[in-house]
ModelCIF file with pLDDT and N, C-alpha, C, O atoms, coordinates in Angstrom:
data_MODEL
#
_entry.id   MODEL 
#
_entity.id                         1 
_entity.type                       polymer 
_entity.pdbx_number_of_molecules   1 
#
_entity_poly.entity_id                      1 
_entity_poly.type                           'polypeptide(L)' 
_entity_poly.nstd_linkage                   no 
_entity_poly.nstd_monomer                   no 
_entity_poly.pdbx_seq_one_letter_code       HHRPMSRYMTLLLAAGLQLVRFEEPPAIGGPPPAR 
_entity_poly.pdbx_seq_one_letter_code_can   HHRPMSRYMTLLLAAGLQLVRFEEPPAIGGPPPAR 
_entity_poly.pdbx_strand_id                 A 
#
loop_
_entity_poly_seq.entity_id 
_entity_poly_seq.num 
_entity_poly_seq.mon_id 
_entity_poly_seq.hetero 
1 1  HIS n 
1 2  HIS n 
1 3  ARG n 
1 4  PRO n 
1 5  MET n 
1 6  SER n 
1 7  ARG n 
1 8  TYR n 
1 9  MET n 
1 10 THR n 
1 11 LEU n 
1 12 LEU n 
1 13 LEU n 
1 14 ALA n 
1 15 ALA n 
1 16 GLY n 
1 17 LEU n 
1 18 GLN n 
1 19 LEU n 
1 20 VAL n 
1 21 ARG n 
1 22 PHE n 
1 23 GLU n 
1 24 GLU n 
1 25 PRO n 
1 26 PRO n 
1 27 ALA n 
1 28 ILE n 
1 29 GLY n 
1 30 GLY n 
1 31 PRO n 
1 32 PRO n 
1 33 PRO n 
1 34 ALA n 
1 35 ARG n 
#
_struct_asym.id          A 
_struct_asym.entity_id   1 
#
loop_
_ma_qa_metric.id 
_ma_qa_metric.mode 
_ma_qa_metric.name 
_ma_qa_metric.software_group_id 
_ma_qa_metric.type 
1 global pLDDT . pLDDT 
2 local  pLDDT . pLDDT 
#
_ma_qa_metric_global.metric_id      1 
_ma_qa_metric_global.metric_value   97.03 
_ma_qa_metric_global.model_id       1 
_ma_qa_metric_global.ordinal_id     1 
#
loop_
_ma_qa_metric_local.label_asym_id 
_ma_qa_metric_local.label_comp_id 
_ma_qa_metric_local.label_seq_id 
_ma_qa_metric_local.metric_id 
_ma_qa_metric_local.metric_value 
_ma_qa_metric_local.model_id 
_ma_qa_metric_local.ordinal_id 
A HIS 1  2 95.00 1 1  
A HIS 2  2 95.00 1 2  
A ARG 3  2 97.00 1 3  
A PRO 4  2 97.00 1 4  
A MET 5  2 98.00 1 5  
A SER 6  2 98.00 1 6  
A ARG 7  2 98.00 1 7  
A TYR 8  2 98.00 1 8  
A MET 9  2 98.00 1 9  
A THR 10 2 98.00 1 10 
A LEU 11 2 98.00 1 11 
A LEU 12 2 98.00 1 12 
A LEU 13 2 98.00 1 13 
A ALA 14 2 98.00 1 14 
A ALA 15 2 98.00 1 15 
A GLY 16 2 98.00 1 16 
A LEU 17 2 98.00 1 17 
A GLN 18 2 98.00 1 18 
A LEU 19 2 98.00 1 19 
A VAL 20 2 98.00 1 20 
A ARG 21 2 98.00 1 21 
A PHE 22 2 98.00 1 22 
A GLU 23 2 97.00 1 23 
A GLU 24 2 97.00 1 24 
A PRO 25 2 98.00 1 25 
A PRO 26 2 98.00 1 26 
A ALA 27 2 98.00 1 27 
A ILE 28 2 96.00 1 28 
A GLY 29 2 95.00 1 29 
A GLY 30 2 96.00 1 30 
A PRO 31 2 96.00 1 31 
A PRO 32 2 96.00 1 32 
A PRO 33 2 92.00 1 33 
A ALA 34 2 93.00 1 34 
A ARG 35 2 96.00 1 35 
#
loop_
_atom_site.group_PDB 
_atom_site.id 
_atom_site.type_symbol 
_atom_site.label_atom_id 
_atom_site.label_alt_id 
_atom_site.label_comp_id 
_atom_site.label_asym_id 
_atom_site.label_entity_id 
_atom_site.label_seq_id 
_atom_site.pdbx_PDB_ins_code 
_atom_site.Cartn_x 
_atom_site.Cartn_y 
_atom_site.Cartn_z 
_atom_site.occupancy 
_atom_site.B_iso_or_equiv 
_atom_site.pdbx_formal_charge 
_atom_site.auth_seq_id 
_atom_site.auth_comp_id 
_atom_site.auth_asym_id 
_atom_site.auth_atom_id 
_atom_site.pdbx_PDB_model_num 
ATOM 1   N N  . HIS A 1 1  ? 83.904  98.453  106.803 1.00 95.00 ? 1  HIS A N  1 
ATOM 2   C CA . HIS A 1 1  ? 84.249  99.304  105.410 1.00 95.00 ? 1  HIS A CA 1 
ATOM 3   C C  . HIS A 1 1  ? 85.726  99.002  105.129 1.00 95.00 ? 1  HIS A C  1 
ATOM 4   O O  . HIS A 1 1  ? 86.609  99.030  105.986 1.00 95.00 ? 1  HIS A O  1 
ATOM 5   N N  . HIS A 1 2  ? 85.866  98.758  104.051 1.00 95.00 ? 2  HIS A N  1 
ATOM 6   C CA . HIS A 1 2  ? 87.209  98.549  103.555 1.00 95.00 ? 2  HIS A CA 1 
ATOM 7   C C  . HIS A 1 2  ? 87.635  99.897  102.564 1.00 95.00 ? 2  HIS A C  1 
ATOM 8   O O  . HIS A 1 2  ? 86.862  100.328 101.709 1.00 95.00 ? 2  HIS A O  1 
ATOM 9   N N  . ARG A 1 3  ? 88.736  100.374 102.776 1.00 97.00 ? 3  ARG A N  1 
ATOM 10  C CA . ARG A 1 3  ? 89.297  101.545 101.924 1.00 97.00 ? 3  ARG A CA 1 
ATOM 11  C C  . ARG A 1 3  ? 90.813  101.280 101.815 1.00 97.00 ? 3  ARG A C  1 
ATOM 12  O O  . ARG A 1 3  ? 91.442  100.936 102.816 1.00 97.00 ? 3  ARG A O  1 
ATOM 13  N N  . PRO A 1 4  ? 91.389  101.429 100.652 1.00 97.00 ? 4  PRO A N  1 
ATOM 14  C CA . PRO A 1 4  ? 92.919  101.491 100.338 1.00 97.00 ? 4  PRO A CA 1 
ATOM 15  C C  . PRO A 1 4  ? 93.521  102.367 101.316 1.00 97.00 ? 4  PRO A C  1 
ATOM 16  O O  . PRO A 1 4  ? 93.002  103.435 101.641 1.00 97.00 ? 4  PRO A O  1 
ATOM 17  N N  . MET A 1 5  ? 94.621  101.927 101.797 1.00 98.00 ? 5  MET A N  1 
ATOM 18  C CA . MET A 1 5  ? 95.550  102.953 102.566 1.00 98.00 ? 5  MET A CA 1 
ATOM 19  C C  . MET A 1 5  ? 95.903  104.233 101.992 1.00 98.00 ? 5  MET A C  1 
ATOM 20  O O  . MET A 1 5  ? 96.451  105.048 102.733 1.00 98.00 ? 5  MET A O  1 
ATOM 21  N N  . SER A 1 6  ? 95.691  104.513 100.873 1.00 98.00 ? 6  SER A N  1 
ATOM 22  C CA . SER A 1 6  ? 95.950  105.656 100.311 1.00 98.00 ? 6  SER A CA 1 
ATOM 23  C C  . SER A 1 6  ? 94.788  106.767 100.432 1.00 98.00 ? 6  SER A C  1 
ATOM 24  O O  . SER A 1 6  ? 94.898  107.986 100.297 1.00 98.00 ? 6  SER A O  1 
ATOM 25  N N  . ARG A 1 7  ? 93.526  105.923 100.756 1.00 98.00 ? 7  ARG A N  1 
ATOM 26  C CA . ARG A 1 7  ? 92.591  106.905 100.948 1.00 98.00 ? 7  ARG A CA 1 
ATOM 27  C C  . ARG A 1 7  ? 92.579  107.476 102.315 1.00 98.00 ? 7  ARG A C  1 
ATOM 28  O O  . ARG A 1 7  ? 92.312  108.646 102.591 1.00 98.00 ? 7  ARG A O  1 
ATOM 29  N N  . TYR A 1 8  ? 92.905  106.506 103.165 1.00 98.00 ? 8  TYR A N  1 
ATOM 30  C CA . TYR A 1 8  ? 93.124  107.311 104.625 1.00 98.00 ? 8  TYR A CA 1 
ATOM 31  C C  . TYR A 1 8  ? 93.977  108.305 104.661 1.00 98.00 ? 8  TYR A C  1 
ATOM 32  O O  . TYR A 1 8  ? 93.672  109.383 105.170 1.00 98.00 ? 8  TYR A O  1 
ATOM 33  N N  . MET A 1 9  ? 95.423  108.014 104.002 1.00 98.00 ? 9  MET A N  1 
ATOM 34  C CA . MET A 1 9  ? 96.605  108.980 103.942 1.00 98.00 ? 9  MET A CA 1 
ATOM 35  C C  . MET A 1 9  ? 95.924  110.220 103.347 1.00 98.00 ? 9  MET A C  1 
ATOM 36  O O  . MET A 1 9  ? 96.099  111.287 103.937 1.00 98.00 ? 9  MET A O  1 
ATOM 37  N N  . THR A 1 10 ? 95.174  110.193 102.253 1.00 98.00 ? 10 THR A N  1 
ATOM 38  C CA . THR A 1 10 ? 95.051  111.372 101.528 1.00 98.00 ? 10 THR A CA 1 
ATOM 39  C C  . THR A 1 10 ? 93.991  112.335 102.123 1.00 98.00 ? 10 THR A C  1 
ATOM 40  O O  . THR A 1 10 ? 94.008  113.549 101.921 1.00 98.00 ? 10 THR A O  1 
ATOM 41  N N  . LEU A 1 11 ? 92.910  111.577 103.000 1.00 98.00 ? 11 LEU A N  1 
ATOM 42  C CA . LEU A 1 11 ? 92.117  112.551 103.671 1.00 98.00 ? 11 LEU A CA 1 
ATOM 43  C C  . LEU A 1 11 ? 92.604  113.061 104.809 1.00 98.00 ? 11 LEU A C  1 
ATOM 44  O O  . LEU A 1 11 ? 92.331  114.232 105.073 1.00 98.00 ? 11 LEU A O  1 
ATOM 45  N N  . LEU A 1 12 ? 93.235  112.462 105.503 1.00 98.00 ? 12 LEU A N  1 
ATOM 46  C CA . LEU A 1 12 ? 94.131  113.065 106.829 1.00 98.00 ? 12 LEU A CA 1 
ATOM 47  C C  . LEU A 1 12 ? 95.125  113.968 106.396 1.00 98.00 ? 12 LEU A C  1 
ATOM 48  O O  . LEU A 1 12 ? 95.337  114.912 107.156 1.00 98.00 ? 12 LEU A O  1 
ATOM 49  N N  . LEU A 1 13 ? 95.850  113.898 105.252 1.00 98.00 ? 13 LEU A N  1 
ATOM 50  C CA . LEU A 1 13 ? 96.647  114.944 104.875 1.00 98.00 ? 13 LEU A CA 1 
ATOM 51  C C  . LEU A 1 13 ? 95.924  116.275 104.338 1.00 98.00 ? 13 LEU A C  1 
ATOM 52  O O  . LEU A 1 13 ? 96.483  117.366 104.447 1.00 98.00 ? 13 LEU A O  1 
ATOM 53  N N  . ALA A 1 14 ? 94.519  116.121 103.690 1.00 98.00 ? 14 ALA A N  1 
ATOM 54  C CA . ALA A 1 14 ? 93.941  117.049 103.283 1.00 98.00 ? 14 ALA A CA 1 
ATOM 55  C C  . ALA A 1 14 ? 93.099  117.732 104.504 1.00 98.00 ? 14 ALA A C  1 
ATOM 56  O O  . ALA A 1 14 ? 92.575  118.836 104.357 1.00 98.00 ? 14 ALA A O  1 
ATOM 57  N N  . ALA A 1 15 ? 93.022  117.085 105.566 1.00 98.00 ? 15 ALA A N  1 
ATOM 58  C CA . ALA A 1 15 ? 92.496  117.649 106.475 1.00 98.00 ? 15 ALA A CA 1 
ATOM 59  C C  . ALA A 1 15 ? 93.573  118.538 107.672 1.00 98.00 ? 15 ALA A C  1 
ATOM 60  O O  . ALA A 1 15 ? 93.295  118.742 108.854 1.00 98.00 ? 15 ALA A O  1 
ATOM 61  N N  . GLY A 1 16 ? 94.651  118.898 107.053 1.00 98.00 ? 16 GLY A N  1 
ATOM 62  C CA . GLY A 1 16 ? 95.560  119.580 107.348 1.00 98.00 ? 16 GLY A CA 1 
ATOM 63  C C  . GLY A 1 16 ? 96.554  118.893 108.664 1.00 98.00 ? 16 GLY A C  1 
ATOM 64  O O  . GLY A 1 16 ? 97.222  119.623 109.396 1.00 98.00 ? 16 GLY A O  1 
ATOM 65  N N  . LEU A 1 17 ? 96.525  117.727 108.776 1.00 98.00 ? 17 LEU A N  1 
ATOM 66  C CA . LEU A 1 17 ? 97.211  116.978 109.780 1.00 98.00 ? 17 LEU A CA 1 
ATOM 67  C C  . LEU A 1 17 ? 98.682  116.443 109.290 1.00 98.00 ? 17 LEU A C  1 
ATOM 68  O O  . LEU A 1 17 ? 98.796  116.233 108.083 1.00 98.00 ? 17 LEU A O  1 
ATOM 69  N N  . GLN A 1 18 ? 99.582  116.254 109.960 1.00 98.00 ? 18 GLN A N  1 
ATOM 70  C CA . GLN A 1 18 ? 100.801 115.911 109.747 1.00 98.00 ? 18 GLN A CA 1 
ATOM 71  C C  . GLN A 1 18 ? 101.294 114.555 110.528 1.00 98.00 ? 18 GLN A C  1 
ATOM 72  O O  . GLN A 1 18 ? 101.188 114.390 111.743 1.00 98.00 ? 18 GLN A O  1 
ATOM 73  N N  . LEU A 1 19 ? 101.834 113.647 109.632 1.00 98.00 ? 19 LEU A N  1 
ATOM 74  C CA . LEU A 1 19 ? 101.886 112.181 110.236 1.00 98.00 ? 19 LEU A CA 1 
ATOM 75  C C  . LEU A 1 19 ? 103.403 112.423 110.917 1.00 98.00 ? 19 LEU A C  1 
ATOM 76  O O  . LEU A 1 19 ? 104.362 112.995 110.398 1.00 98.00 ? 19 LEU A O  1 
ATOM 77  N N  . VAL A 1 20 ? 103.321 111.847 112.154 1.00 98.00 ? 20 VAL A N  1 
ATOM 78  C CA . VAL A 1 20 ? 104.471 111.972 113.029 1.00 98.00 ? 20 VAL A CA 1 
ATOM 79  C C  . VAL A 1 20 ? 104.993 110.685 113.596 1.00 98.00 ? 20 VAL A C  1 
ATOM 80  O O  . VAL A 1 20 ? 106.074 110.709 114.185 1.00 98.00 ? 20 VAL A O  1 
ATOM 81  N N  . ARG A 1 21 ? 104.233 109.408 113.456 1.00 98.00 ? 21 ARG A N  1 
ATOM 82  C CA . ARG A 1 21 ? 104.495 108.251 113.575 1.00 98.00 ? 21 ARG A CA 1 
ATOM 83  C C  . ARG A 1 21 ? 103.728 107.327 113.053 1.00 98.00 ? 21 ARG A C  1 
ATOM 84  O O  . ARG A 1 21 ? 102.516 107.510 113.169 1.00 98.00 ? 21 ARG A O  1 
ATOM 85  N N  . PHE A 1 22 ? 104.229 106.028 112.305 1.00 98.00 ? 22 PHE A N  1 
ATOM 86  C CA . PHE A 1 22 ? 103.325 105.146 111.794 1.00 98.00 ? 22 PHE A CA 1 
ATOM 87  C C  . PHE A 1 22 ? 104.288 103.718 112.262 1.00 98.00 ? 22 PHE A C  1 
ATOM 88  O O  . PHE A 1 22 ? 105.488 103.588 112.020 1.00 98.00 ? 22 PHE A O  1 
ATOM 89  N N  . GLU A 1 23 ? 103.495 102.813 112.919 1.00 97.00 ? 23 GLU A N  1 
ATOM 90  C CA . GLU A 1 23 ? 103.914 101.691 113.371 1.00 97.00 ? 23 GLU A CA 1 
ATOM 91  C C  . GLU A 1 23 ? 103.171 100.381 113.091 1.00 97.00 ? 23 GLU A C  1 
ATOM 92  O O  . GLU A 1 23 ? 101.944 100.434 113.165 1.00 97.00 ? 23 GLU A O  1 
ATOM 93  N N  . GLU A 1 24 ? 103.703 99.298  112.804 1.00 97.00 ? 24 GLU A N  1 
ATOM 94  C CA . GLU A 1 24 ? 102.983 97.945  112.637 1.00 97.00 ? 24 GLU A CA 1 
ATOM 95  C C  . GLU A 1 24 ? 103.478 97.102  113.820 1.00 97.00 ? 24 GLU A C  1 
ATOM 96  O O  . GLU A 1 24 ? 104.357 96.271  113.594 1.00 97.00 ? 24 GLU A O  1 
ATOM 97  N N  . PRO A 1 25 ? 103.030 97.231  114.960 1.00 98.00 ? 25 PRO A N  1 
ATOM 98  C CA . PRO A 1 25 ? 103.449 96.762  116.105 1.00 98.00 ? 25 PRO A CA 1 
ATOM 99  C C  . PRO A 1 25 ? 103.258 95.133  115.877 1.00 98.00 ? 25 PRO A C  1 
ATOM 100 O O  . PRO A 1 25 ? 102.331 94.759  115.158 1.00 98.00 ? 25 PRO A O  1 
ATOM 101 N N  . PRO A 1 26 ? 104.154 94.154  116.503 1.00 98.00 ? 26 PRO A N  1 
ATOM 102 C CA . PRO A 1 26 ? 103.815 92.931  116.511 1.00 98.00 ? 26 PRO A CA 1 
ATOM 103 C C  . PRO A 1 26 ? 103.376 92.396  117.906 1.00 98.00 ? 26 PRO A C  1 
ATOM 104 O O  . PRO A 1 26 ? 103.485 93.056  118.940 1.00 98.00 ? 26 PRO A O  1 
ATOM 105 N N  . ALA A 1 27 ? 102.937 91.304  117.844 1.00 98.00 ? 27 ALA A N  1 
ATOM 106 C CA . ALA A 1 27 ? 102.155 90.733  119.032 1.00 98.00 ? 27 ALA A CA 1 
ATOM 107 C C  . ALA A 1 27 ? 103.310 90.331  119.825 1.00 98.00 ? 27 ALA A C  1 
ATOM 108 O O  . ALA A 1 27 ? 104.282 89.790  119.299 1.00 98.00 ? 27 ALA A O  1 
ATOM 109 N N  . ILE A 1 28 ? 103.225 90.613  121.255 1.00 96.00 ? 28 ILE A N  1 
ATOM 110 C CA . ILE A 1 28 ? 104.021 90.370  122.102 1.00 96.00 ? 28 ILE A CA 1 
ATOM 111 C C  . ILE A 1 28 ? 103.764 89.389  123.391 1.00 96.00 ? 28 ILE A C  1 
ATOM 112 O O  . ILE A 1 28 ? 104.516 89.363  124.366 1.00 96.00 ? 28 ILE A O  1 
ATOM 113 N N  . GLY A 1 29 ? 102.775 88.716  123.268 1.00 95.00 ? 29 GLY A N  1 
ATOM 114 C CA . GLY A 1 29 ? 102.191 87.720  124.170 1.00 95.00 ? 29 GLY A CA 1 
ATOM 115 C C  . GLY A 1 29 ? 100.920 87.091  123.716 1.00 95.00 ? 29 GLY A C  1 
ATOM 116 O O  . GLY A 1 29 ? 100.567 87.160  122.539 1.00 95.00 ? 29 GLY A O  1 
ATOM 117 N N  . GLY A 1 30 ? 100.144 86.407  124.741 1.00 96.00 ? 30 GLY A N  1 
ATOM 118 C CA . GLY A 1 30 ? 98.956  85.769  124.023 1.00 96.00 ? 30 GLY A CA 1 
ATOM 119 C C  . GLY A 1 30 ? 99.643  84.340  123.709 1.00 96.00 ? 30 GLY A C  1 
ATOM 120 O O  . GLY A 1 30 ? 100.829 84.018  123.772 1.00 96.00 ? 30 GLY A O  1 
ATOM 121 N N  . PRO A 1 31 ? 98.318  83.471  123.294 1.00 96.00 ? 31 PRO A N  1 
ATOM 122 C CA . PRO A 1 31 ? 98.467  82.008  123.038 1.00 96.00 ? 31 PRO A CA 1 
ATOM 123 C C  . PRO A 1 31 ? 99.369  82.235  121.822 1.00 96.00 ? 31 PRO A C  1 
ATOM 124 O O  . PRO A 1 31 ? 99.257  83.117  120.971 1.00 96.00 ? 31 PRO A O  1 
ATOM 125 N N  . PRO A 1 32 ? 100.425 81.116  121.922 1.00 96.00 ? 32 PRO A N  1 
ATOM 126 C CA . PRO A 1 32 ? 101.346 80.887  120.798 1.00 96.00 ? 32 PRO A CA 1 
ATOM 127 C C  . PRO A 1 32 ? 101.085 80.948  119.569 1.00 96.00 ? 32 PRO A C  1 
ATOM 128 O O  . PRO A 1 32 ? 101.637 81.711  118.776 1.00 96.00 ? 32 PRO A O  1 
ATOM 129 N N  . PRO A 1 33 ? 99.963  79.911  119.237 1.00 92.00 ? 33 PRO A N  1 
ATOM 130 C CA . PRO A 1 33 ? 99.312  79.855  117.934 1.00 92.00 ? 33 PRO A CA 1 
ATOM 131 C C  . PRO A 1 33 ? 98.872  81.278  117.229 1.00 92.00 ? 33 PRO A C  1 
ATOM 132 O O  . PRO A 1 33 ? 99.075  81.629  116.067 1.00 92.00 ? 33 PRO A O  1 
ATOM 133 N N  . ALA A 1 34 ? 98.185  82.014  118.325 1.00 93.00 ? 34 ALA A N  1 
ATOM 134 C CA . ALA A 1 34 ? 97.560  83.333  117.777 1.00 93.00 ? 34 ALA A CA 1 
ATOM 135 C C  . ALA A 1 34 ? 98.678  84.249  117.630 1.00 93.00 ? 34 ALA A C  1 
ATOM 136 O O  . ALA A 1 34 ? 98.513  85.125  116.781 1.00 93.00 ? 34 ALA A O  1 
ATOM 137 N N  . ARG A 1 35 ? 99.782  84.246  118.265 1.00 96.00 ? 35 ARG A N  1 
ATOM 138 C CA . ARG A 1 35 ? 100.928 85.146  118.036 1.00 96.00 ? 35 ARG A CA 1 
ATOM 139 C C  . ARG A 1 35 ? 101.753 84.826  116.818 1.00 96.00 ? 35 ARG A C  1 
ATOM 140 O O  . ARG A 1 35 ? 102.733 85.516  116.536 1.00 96.00 ? 35 ARG A O  1 
#
């Protein structure tokens, strides 16, 4: 299922939750082409 990012954020905020961390971590290992 695809949803735009704003849909996730809106629903989580509406549930009364607070965002404390957001990361887009890089790949740090694995086969070089895939990394």
